[in-house]
Amino acid sequence: MATNLPLNDELKGILSDIARKKFTNSRQINPQSNLFQTTKFAIEHDYVKDAIVDEDFNSTLAMMNLTNASLTKKGQLKLAELTELEEGTD
């Protein structure tokens, strides 16, 4: 069952997974899900390039393809910042 993580935790996870090329295929996804919304946030804030999100895929699902996605310099800096924040709370 999915949990609702705070934005920074979700963003760190997505940026980390993109950096490690964990997304190997496209997926249909609920456009209201945290994963989709946070990915869209990352794209809009120029943390990620070459990602494809399509909210018009069909009436209830969106399409997300991160197979060719990579972090921008800004995304690399944001991931480092989020990692440092997490390490500082241990």
C-alpha atoms as a PDB file:
ATOM      1  CA  MET A   1       0.000   0.000   0.000  1.00  0.00           C
ATOM      2  CA  ALA A   2       1.346   3.405  -0.924  1.00  0.00           C
ATOM      3  CA  THR A   3       1.969   6.017   1.719  1.00  0.00           C
ATOM      4  CA  ASN A   4       1.938   9.760   1.397  1.00  0.00           C
ATOM      5  CA  LEU A   5       5.489  10.913   1.981  1.00  0.00           C
ATOM      6  CA  PRO A   6       6.412  14.551   2.499  1.00  0.00           C
ATOM      7  CA  LEU A   7       7.386  16.282  -0.766  1.00  0.00           C
ATOM      8  CA  ASN A   8      11.107  16.387   0.072  1.00  0.00           C
ATOM      9  CA  ASP A   9      11.197  12.647   0.825  1.00  0.00           C
ATOM     10  CA  GLU A  10       9.307  11.808  -2.353  1.00  0.00           C
ATOM     11  CA  LEU A  11      11.469  14.187  -4.405  1.00  0.00           C
ATOM     12  CA  LYS A  12      14.690  12.723  -3.000  1.00  0.00           C
ATOM     13  CA  GLY A  13      13.496   9.220  -3.876  1.00  0.00           C
ATOM     14  CA  ILE A  14      12.536  10.129  -7.430  1.00  0.00           C
ATOM     15  CA  LEU A  15      15.729  12.094  -8.107  1.00  0.00           C
ATOM     16  CA  SER A  16      17.800   9.271  -6.656  1.00  0.00           C
ATOM     17  CA  ASP A  17      15.983   6.641  -8.739  1.00  0.00           C
ATOM     18  CA  ILE A  18      16.418   8.705 -11.913  1.00  0.00           C
ATOM     19  CA  ALA A  19      20.128   9.178 -11.168  1.00  0.00           C
ATOM     20  CA  ARG A  20      20.498   5.398 -10.722  1.00  0.00           C
ATOM     21  CA  LYS A  21      18.402   4.665 -13.882  1.00  0.00           C
ATOM     22  CA  LYS A  22      15.826   2.641 -11.922  1.00  0.00           C
ATOM     23  CA  PHE A  23      13.001   3.464 -14.357  1.00  0.00           C
ATOM     24  CA  THR A  24      13.332   0.929 -17.170  1.00  0.00           C
ATOM     25  CA  ASN A  25       9.932   1.286 -18.845  1.00  0.00           C
ATOM     26  CA  SER A  26       6.984   3.627 -19.146  1.00  0.00           C
ATOM     27  CA  ARG A  27       3.997   3.199 -16.893  1.00  0.00           C
ATOM     28  CA  GLN A  28       0.371   4.123 -16.641  1.00  0.00           C
ATOM     29  CA  ILE A  29      -0.224   5.952 -13.401  1.00  0.00           C
ATOM     30  CA  ASN A  30      -2.898   7.777 -11.458  1.00  0.00           C
ATOM     31  CA  PRO A  31      -2.281  11.470 -12.191  1.00  0.00           C
ATOM     32  CA  GLN A  32      -3.250  12.281  -8.592  1.00  0.00           C
ATOM     33  CA  SER A  33      -0.581   9.992  -7.110  1.00  0.00           C
ATOM     34  CA  ASN A  34       2.384  11.384  -5.213  1.00  0.00           C
ATOM     35  CA  LEU A  35       4.767   9.734  -7.666  1.00  0.00           C
ATOM     36  CA  PHE A  36       3.206  11.465 -10.656  1.00  0.00           C
ATOM     37  CA  GLN A  37       2.735  14.828  -8.940  1.00  0.00           C
ATOM     38  CA  THR A  38       6.291  14.879  -7.584  1.00  0.00           C
ATOM     39  CA  THR A  39       7.744  13.859 -10.946  1.00  0.00           C
ATOM     40  CA  LYS A  40       5.786  16.662 -12.584  1.00  0.00           C
ATOM     41  CA  PHE A  41       7.098  19.047  -9.894  1.00  0.00           C
ATOM     42  CA  ALA A  42      10.685  17.922 -10.609  1.00  0.00           C
ATOM     43  CA  ILE A  43      10.233  18.536 -14.336  1.00  0.00           C
ATOM     44  CA  GLU A  44       8.621  21.947 -13.802  1.00  0.00           C
ATOM     45  CA  HIS A  45      11.491  22.999 -11.513  1.00  0.00           C
ATOM     46  CA  ASP A  46      14.135  21.868 -14.032  1.00  0.00           C
ATOM     47  CA  TYR A  47      15.534  19.111 -11.808  1.00  0.00           C
ATOM     48  CA  VAL A  48      14.972  16.505 -14.530  1.00  0.00           C
ATOM     49  CA  LYS A  49      15.373  16.469 -18.307  1.00  0.00           C
ATOM     50  CA  ASP A  50      14.185  14.043 -20.996  1.00  0.00           C
ATOM     51  CA  ALA A  51      11.251  12.835 -18.893  1.00  0.00           C
ATOM     52  CA  ILE A  52       7.848  12.369 -20.493  1.00  0.00           C
ATOM     53  CA  VAL A  53       4.576  12.824 -18.631  1.00  0.00           C
ATOM     54  CA  ASP A  54       1.242  12.786 -20.417  1.00  0.00           C
ATOM     55  CA  GLU A  55      -1.845  13.648 -18.382  1.00  0.00           C
ATOM     56  CA  ASP A  56      -4.075  13.199 -21.438  1.00  0.00           C
ATOM     57  CA  PHE A  57      -3.173   9.511 -21.841  1.00  0.00           C
ATOM     58  CA  ASN A  58      -6.767   8.459 -21.114  1.00  0.00           C
ATOM     59  CA  SER A  59      -9.649   9.609 -18.937  1.00  0.00           C
ATOM     60  CA  THR A  60      -8.372   8.123 -15.662  1.00  0.00           C
ATOM     61  CA  LEU A  61      -4.674   7.403 -16.151  1.00  0.00           C
ATOM     62  CA  ALA A  62      -1.610   9.384 -17.095  1.00  0.00           C
ATOM     63  CA  MET A  63       1.506   8.028 -18.780  1.00  0.00           C
ATOM     64  CA  MET A  64       4.951   8.541 -17.332  1.00  0.00           C
ATOM     65  CA  ASN A  65       8.192   7.556 -19.063  1.00  0.00           C
ATOM     66  CA  LEU A  66      11.460   8.161 -17.226  1.00  0.00           C
ATOM     67  CA  THR A  67      13.617   5.658 -19.115  1.00  0.00           C
ATOM     68  CA  ASN A  68      15.697   8.417 -20.751  1.00  0.00           C
ATOM     69  CA  ALA A  69      15.372  10.888 -17.896  1.00  0.00           C
ATOM     70  CA  SER A  70      18.429  12.308 -16.203  1.00  0.00           C
ATOM     71  CA  LEU A  71      19.144  14.939 -13.606  1.00  0.00           C
ATOM     72  CA  THR A  72      20.051  18.443 -14.633  1.00  0.00           C
ATOM     73  CA  LYS A  73      22.829  20.225 -12.767  1.00  0.00           C
ATOM     74  CA  LYS A  74      20.092  21.863 -10.701  1.00  0.00           C
ATOM     75  CA  GLY A  75      18.641  18.402 -10.014  1.00  0.00           C
ATOM     76  CA  GLN A  76      22.015  17.055  -8.918  1.00  0.00           C
ATOM     77  CA  LEU A  77      22.398  19.967  -6.515  1.00  0.00           C
ATOM     78  CA  LYS A  78      18.863  19.456  -5.175  1.00  0.00           C
ATOM     79  CA  LEU A  79      19.491  15.742  -4.610  1.00  0.00           C
ATOM     80  CA  ALA A  80      22.721  16.554  -2.752  1.00  0.00           C
ATOM     81  CA  GLU A  81      20.864  19.130  -0.646  1.00  0.00           C
ATOM     82  CA  LEU A  82      18.069  16.693   0.220  1.00  0.00           C
ATOM     83  CA  THR A  83      20.580  13.966   1.062  1.00  0.00           C
ATOM     84  CA  GLU A  84      22.486  16.327   3.369  1.00  0.00           C
ATOM     85  CA  LEU A  85      19.231  17.355   5.064  1.00  0.00           C
ATOM     86  CA  GLU A  86      18.341  13.716   5.677  1.00  0.00           C
ATOM     87  CA  GLU A  87      21.800  12.898   7.013  1.00  0.00           C
ATOM     88  CA  GLY A  88      21.577  15.897   9.327  1.00  0.00           C
ATOM     89  CA  THR A  89      18.441  14.497  10.971  1.00  0.00           C
ATOM     90  CA  ASP A  90      19.962  11.123  11.910  1.00  0.00           C
END
